[in-house]
Amino acid sequence: MRSLVPALILALAAPVAAQPLWEAELRAGYGVAMGTETDMSSARHTTPLTLTALAAIAISDEPPVSVYGGITVETIARNTFGFAGGVKLQVPGMPLHLATGGVWVYAPATRWGATAAAGTCRANKALFLCGDVQLTTFVAGEAIDKGHTVTQIQLVFGLGFDLSFDLRNGGR
């Protein structure tokens, strides 16, 4: 825990890279869930390992905003497939981003929910590493008990690619 505070300060003090026009990101998240699902999972349990592949496009430079969408799968505790999408804001002057959106788990049983995340990325030319804290609340669907919700908090790590990076010219 003591090493986390200096690492966070260094990450927030790092210079901010320009927002990519197009980007792709592979993400993996794991954490804790609270709530009751129809399979009678306990009220508090670990989440499945969530793997997500996202694509994003910048829609605004001032403030730096992008929209994203992609597929998500859950593994280990259960096997599911679904879709995620939303909006991401790069906080001006800081290497901090905020995101909000929705999740639809399609198979084998449906779950609908909302998600919010905050995190930071470290860029090296066209490649970047990201770390987020993500909160997801599933509010409806076949896999959620009627009148209940399932909320999960996950630490998410991502590997991203700036698809608008021009390698021939050493940048954009």
C-alpha atoms as a PDB file:
ATOM      1  CA  MET A   1       0.000   0.000   0.000  1.00  0.00           C
ATOM      2  CA  ARG A   2       2.868   2.364   0.753  1.00  0.00           C
ATOM      3  CA  SER A   3       4.259   1.958  -2.773  1.00  0.00           C
ATOM      4  CA  LEU A   4       0.825   2.593  -4.304  1.00  0.00           C
ATOM      5  CA  VAL A   5       0.703   6.256  -3.216  1.00  0.00           C
ATOM      6  CA  PRO A   6       4.033   7.299  -4.853  1.00  0.00           C
ATOM      7  CA  ALA A   7       3.125   5.333  -7.998  1.00  0.00           C
ATOM      8  CA  LEU A   8      -0.227   7.127  -8.174  1.00  0.00           C
ATOM      9  CA  ILE A   9       1.447  10.530  -7.694  1.00  0.00           C
ATOM     10  CA  LEU A  10       3.953   9.761 -10.475  1.00  0.00           C
ATOM     11  CA  ALA A  11       1.187   8.612 -12.804  1.00  0.00           C
ATOM     12  CA  LEU A  12      -0.862  11.751 -12.208  1.00  0.00           C
ATOM     13  CA  ALA A  13       2.206  14.008 -12.590  1.00  0.00           C
ATOM     14  CA  ALA A  14       3.221  12.458 -15.949  1.00  0.00           C
ATOM     15  CA  PRO A  15       2.805  14.555 -19.076  1.00  0.00           C
ATOM     16  CA  VAL A  16      -0.438  14.008 -20.936  1.00  0.00           C
ATOM     17  CA  ALA A  17      -0.257  12.491 -24.423  1.00  0.00           C
ATOM     18  CA  ALA A  18      -2.564  13.732 -27.151  1.00  0.00           C
ATOM     19  CA  GLN A  19      -5.820  11.822 -27.479  1.00  0.00           C
ATOM     20  CA  PRO A  20      -5.716   9.274 -30.349  1.00  0.00           C
ATOM     21  CA  LEU A  21      -8.256   9.696 -33.146  1.00  0.00           C
ATOM     22  CA  TRP A  22      -8.770   5.894 -33.298  1.00  0.00           C
ATOM     23  CA  GLU A  23      -7.739   3.401 -30.647  1.00  0.00           C
ATOM     24  CA  ALA A  24      -8.206  -0.248 -29.727  1.00  0.00           C
ATOM     25  CA  GLU A  25      -7.832  -1.725 -26.252  1.00  0.00           C
ATOM     26  CA  LEU A  26      -7.736  -5.220 -24.777  1.00  0.00           C
ATOM     27  CA  ARG A  27      -8.801  -5.247 -21.101  1.00  0.00           C
ATOM     28  CA  ALA A  28      -8.861  -7.778 -18.257  1.00  0.00           C
ATOM     29  CA  GLY A  29     -10.710  -7.166 -14.979  1.00  0.00           C
ATOM     30  CA  TYR A  30     -11.251  -9.034 -11.739  1.00  0.00           C
ATOM     31  CA  GLY A  31     -12.839  -8.050  -8.449  1.00  0.00           C
ATOM     32  CA  VAL A  32     -15.728  -8.469  -6.015  1.00  0.00           C
ATOM     33  CA  ALA A  33     -19.479  -8.696  -6.705  1.00  0.00           C
ATOM     34  CA  MET A  34     -22.377  -8.064  -4.334  1.00  0.00           C
ATOM     35  CA  GLY A  35     -25.993  -9.082  -4.941  1.00  0.00           C
ATOM     36  CA  THR A  36     -28.087 -12.134  -5.758  1.00  0.00           C
ATOM     37  CA  GLU A  37     -28.253 -13.693  -9.188  1.00  0.00           C
ATOM     38  CA  THR A  38     -30.798 -16.308 -10.251  1.00  0.00           C
ATOM     39  CA  ASP A  39     -28.208 -19.086  -9.911  1.00  0.00           C
ATOM     40  CA  MET A  40     -28.250 -18.272  -6.153  1.00  0.00           C
ATOM     41  CA  SER A  41     -24.675 -17.017  -6.054  1.00  0.00           C
ATOM     42  CA  SER A  42     -23.800 -15.816  -2.594  1.00  0.00           C
ATOM     43  CA  ALA A  43     -24.421 -12.194  -1.684  1.00  0.00           C
ATOM     44  CA  ARG A  44     -20.670 -11.403  -1.856  1.00  0.00           C
ATOM     45  CA  HIS A  45     -18.314 -13.301  -4.150  1.00  0.00           C
ATOM     46  CA  THR A  46     -15.469 -12.769  -6.591  1.00  0.00           C
ATOM     47  CA  THR A  47     -16.380 -11.697 -10.096  1.00  0.00           C
ATOM     48  CA  PRO A  48     -15.612 -13.774 -13.130  1.00  0.00           C
ATOM     49  CA  LEU A  49     -12.483 -12.764 -15.019  1.00  0.00           C
ATOM     50  CA  THR A  50     -13.846 -10.194 -17.480  1.00  0.00           C
ATOM     51  CA  LEU A  51     -12.082  -9.846 -20.845  1.00  0.00           C
ATOM     52  CA  THR A  52     -13.071  -6.972 -23.129  1.00  0.00           C
ATOM     53  CA  ALA A  53     -11.985  -5.832 -26.596  1.00  0.00           C
ATOM     54  CA  LEU A  54     -12.903  -2.220 -27.343  1.00  0.00           C
ATOM     55  CA  ALA A  55     -12.529   0.217 -30.215  1.00  0.00           C
ATOM     56  CA  ALA A  56     -12.853   3.975 -29.713  1.00  0.00           C
ATOM     57  CA  ILE A  57     -13.014   7.095 -31.850  1.00  0.00           C
ATOM     58  CA  ALA A  58     -12.437  10.662 -30.669  1.00  0.00           C
ATOM     59  CA  ILE A  59     -15.486  12.891 -31.122  1.00  0.00           C
ATOM     60  CA  SER A  60     -14.185  16.073 -29.490  1.00  0.00           C
ATOM     61  CA  ASP A  61     -10.787  17.668 -28.864  1.00  0.00           C
ATOM     62  CA  GLU A  62     -11.985  20.252 -26.354  1.00  0.00           C
ATOM     63  CA  PRO A  63     -12.784  18.583 -24.022  1.00  0.00           C
ATOM     64  CA  PRO A  64     -11.112  15.349 -25.188  1.00  0.00           C
ATOM     65  CA  VAL A  65     -14.056  12.926 -25.507  1.00  0.00           C
ATOM     66  CA  SER A  66     -14.294   9.594 -27.319  1.00  0.00           C
ATOM     67  CA  VAL A  67     -17.010   6.982 -27.783  1.00  0.00           C
ATOM     68  CA  TYR A  68     -16.212   3.289 -27.454  1.00  0.00           C
ATOM     69  CA  GLY A  69     -17.819  -0.056 -28.103  1.00  0.00           C
ATOM     70  CA  GLY A  70     -16.862  -3.694 -28.234  1.00  0.00           C
ATOM     71  CA  ILE A  71     -17.350  -7.209 -26.969  1.00  0.00           C
ATOM     72  CA  THR A  72     -16.993  -8.570 -23.466  1.00  0.00           C
ATOM     73  CA  VAL A  73     -16.716 -12.124 -22.147  1.00  0.00           C
ATOM     74  CA  GLU A  74     -16.645 -13.520 -18.636  1.00  0.00           C
ATOM     75  CA  THR A  75     -14.569 -16.591 -17.841  1.00  0.00           C
ATOM     76  CA  ILE A  76     -13.576 -18.824 -14.908  1.00  0.00           C
ATOM     77  CA  ALA A  77     -16.677 -18.589 -12.648  1.00  0.00           C
ATOM     78  CA  ARG A  78     -19.030 -18.612 -15.658  1.00  0.00           C
ATOM     79  CA  ASN A  79     -18.828 -18.258 -19.421  1.00  0.00           C
ATOM     80  CA  THR A  80     -20.778 -15.382 -20.934  1.00  0.00           C
ATOM     81  CA  PHE A  81     -20.685 -13.191 -24.025  1.00  0.00           C
ATOM     82  CA  GLY A  82     -21.947  -9.652 -24.471  1.00  0.00           C
ATOM     83  CA  PHE A  83     -21.388  -6.088 -25.603  1.00  0.00           C
ATOM     84  CA  ALA A  84     -20.165  -2.872 -23.959  1.00  0.00           C
ATOM     85  CA  GLY A  85     -20.275   0.748 -25.079  1.00  0.00           C
ATOM     86  CA  GLY A  86     -20.088   4.269 -23.761  1.00  0.00           C
ATOM     87  CA  VAL A  87     -18.257   7.578 -23.559  1.00  0.00           C
ATOM     88  CA  LYS A  88     -14.765   8.352 -22.220  1.00  0.00           C
ATOM     89  CA  LEU A  89     -13.479  11.763 -21.115  1.00  0.00           C
ATOM     90  CA  GLN A  90      -9.766  12.524 -20.801  1.00  0.00           C
ATOM     91  CA  VAL A  91      -9.513  14.997 -17.896  1.00  0.00           C
ATOM     92  CA  PRO A  92      -7.812  18.092 -19.380  1.00  0.00           C
ATOM     93  CA  GLY A  93      -4.245  18.585 -18.172  1.00  0.00           C
ATOM     94  CA  MET A  94      -4.096  15.252 -16.323  1.00  0.00           C
ATOM     95  CA  PRO A  95      -3.420  11.630 -17.332  1.00  0.00           C
ATOM     96  CA  LEU A  96      -6.773  10.666 -15.793  1.00  0.00           C
ATOM     97  CA  HIS A  97      -9.775   9.434 -17.753  1.00  0.00           C
ATOM     98  CA  LEU A  98     -13.379   8.893 -16.732  1.00  0.00           C
ATOM     99  CA  ALA A  99     -15.751   6.575 -18.578  1.00  0.00           C
ATOM    100  CA  THR A 100     -19.414   5.675 -18.367  1.00  0.00           C
ATOM    101  CA  GLY A 101     -21.544   3.364 -20.422  1.00  0.00           C
ATOM    102  CA  GLY A 102     -23.652   0.275 -20.604  1.00  0.00           C
ATOM    103  CA  VAL A 103     -23.153  -3.494 -20.674  1.00  0.00           C
ATOM    104  CA  TRP A 104     -25.426  -6.110 -22.201  1.00  0.00           C
ATOM    105  CA  VAL A 105     -24.527  -9.722 -21.466  1.00  0.00           C
ATOM    106  CA  TYR A 106     -26.322 -11.723 -24.119  1.00  0.00           C
ATOM    107  CA  ALA A 107     -25.534 -15.401 -23.587  1.00  0.00           C
ATOM    108  CA  PRO A 108     -26.232 -17.729 -21.945  1.00  0.00           C
ATOM    109  CA  ALA A 109     -28.623 -15.563 -19.856  1.00  0.00           C
ATOM    110  CA  THR A 110     -29.173 -11.842 -20.339  1.00  0.00           C
ATOM    111  CA  ARG A 111     -28.014  -9.136 -17.932  1.00  0.00           C
ATOM    112  CA  TRP A 112     -28.271  -5.390 -18.495  1.00  0.00           C
ATOM    113  CA  GLY A 113     -26.232  -2.852 -16.592  1.00  0.00           C
ATOM    114  CA  ALA A 114     -24.440   0.459 -16.314  1.00  0.00           C
ATOM    115  CA  THR A 115     -20.739   0.938 -15.818  1.00  0.00           C
ATOM    116  CA  ALA A 116     -18.440   3.750 -14.652  1.00  0.00           C
ATOM    117  CA  ALA A 117     -14.643   3.773 -14.501  1.00  0.00           C
ATOM    118  CA  ALA A 118     -11.741   6.024 -13.582  1.00  0.00           C
ATOM    119  CA  GLY A 119      -8.131   5.354 -14.451  1.00  0.00           C
ATOM    120  CA  THR A 120      -4.888   6.387 -16.046  1.00  0.00           C
ATOM    121  CA  CYS A 121      -2.758   5.308 -19.001  1.00  0.00           C
ATOM    122  CA  ARG A 122       0.968   5.418 -19.716  1.00  0.00           C
ATOM    123  CA  ALA A 123       1.751   5.869 -23.413  1.00  0.00           C
ATOM    124  CA  ASN A 124       4.841   4.918 -25.389  1.00  0.00           C
ATOM    125  CA  LYS A 125       4.350   6.029 -29.007  1.00  0.00           C
ATOM    126  CA  ALA A 126       1.454   3.948 -30.399  1.00  0.00           C
ATOM    127  CA  LEU A 127       1.148   1.619 -27.381  1.00  0.00           C
ATOM    128  CA  PHE A 128      -0.291   2.367 -23.948  1.00  0.00           C
ATOM    129  CA  LEU A 129      -0.884   0.551 -20.661  1.00  0.00           C
ATOM    130  CA  CYS A 130      -3.934   1.448 -18.605  1.00  0.00           C
ATOM    131  CA  GLY A 131      -5.222   0.755 -15.114  1.00  0.00           C
ATOM    132  CA  ASP A 132      -8.805   1.470 -14.069  1.00  0.00           C
ATOM    133  CA  VAL A 133     -11.167   0.947 -11.184  1.00  0.00           C
ATOM    134  CA  GLN A 134     -14.508  -0.017 -12.707  1.00  0.00           C
ATOM    135  CA  LEU A 135     -17.938  -0.210 -11.091  1.00  0.00           C
ATOM    136  CA  THR A 136     -20.693  -2.139 -12.886  1.00  0.00           C
ATOM    137  CA  THR A 137     -24.289  -2.543 -11.716  1.00  0.00           C
ATOM    138  CA  PHE A 138     -26.513  -5.091 -13.425  1.00  0.00           C
ATOM    139  CA  VAL A 139     -30.143  -4.105 -12.950  1.00  0.00           C
ATOM    140  CA  ALA A 140     -32.182  -6.378 -15.229  1.00  0.00           C
ATOM    141  CA  GLY A 141     -32.181  -9.547 -17.268  1.00  0.00           C
ATOM    142  CA  GLU A 142     -32.822 -13.266 -16.979  1.00  0.00           C
ATOM    143  CA  ALA A 143     -29.759 -13.791 -14.748  1.00  0.00           C
ATOM    144  CA  ILE A 144     -30.781 -11.147 -12.179  1.00  0.00           C
ATOM    145  CA  ASP A 145     -33.447 -11.847  -9.538  1.00  0.00           C
ATOM    146  CA  LYS A 146     -36.475  -9.616 -10.059  1.00  0.00           C
ATOM    147  CA  GLY A 147     -36.221  -6.545  -7.838  1.00  0.00           C
ATOM    148  CA  HIS A 148     -32.483  -7.099  -7.159  1.00  0.00           C
ATOM    149  CA  THR A 149     -29.215  -5.785  -8.555  1.00  0.00           C
ATOM    150  CA  VAL A 150     -25.714  -7.176  -8.790  1.00  0.00           C
ATOM    151  CA  THR A 151     -22.895  -4.676  -8.349  1.00  0.00           C
ATOM    152  CA  GLN A 152     -19.271  -5.471  -9.022  1.00  0.00           C
ATOM    153  CA  ILE A 153     -16.084  -3.500  -8.537  1.00  0.00           C
ATOM    154  CA  GLN A 154     -13.068  -4.577 -10.538  1.00  0.00           C
ATOM    155  CA  LEU A 155      -9.460  -3.619 -11.067  1.00  0.00           C
ATOM    156  CA  VAL A 156      -9.034  -3.517 -14.829  1.00  0.00           C
ATOM    157  CA  PHE A 157      -5.754  -3.564 -16.733  1.00  0.00           C
ATOM    158  CA  GLY A 158      -5.600  -2.727 -20.418  1.00  0.00           C
ATOM    159  CA  LEU A 159      -3.212  -2.784 -23.342  1.00  0.00           C
ATOM    160  CA  GLY A 160      -4.118  -0.168 -25.934  1.00  0.00           C
ATOM    161  CA  PHE A 161      -3.070   0.731 -29.430  1.00  0.00           C
ATOM    162  CA  ASP A 162      -3.243   4.169 -31.057  1.00  0.00           C
ATOM    163  CA  LEU A 163      -4.543   3.211 -34.507  1.00  0.00           C
ATOM    164  CA  SER A 164      -4.048   6.764 -35.816  1.00  0.00           C
ATOM    165  CA  PHE A 165      -0.292   6.769 -35.000  1.00  0.00           C
ATOM    166  CA  ASP A 166       1.842   7.273 -38.117  1.00  0.00           C
ATOM    167  CA  LEU A 167       5.009   5.169 -37.755  1.00  0.00           C
ATOM    168  CA  ARG A 168       6.541   6.587 -40.965  1.00  0.00           C
ATOM    169  CA  ASN A 169       6.692  10.092 -39.520  1.00  0.00           C
ATOM    170  CA  GLY A 170       7.386   9.191 -35.892  1.00  0.00           C
ATOM    171  CA  GLY A 171       3.971  10.375 -34.782  1.00  0.00           C
ATOM    172  CA  ARG A 172       0.708  11.820 -36.094  1.00  0.00           C
END
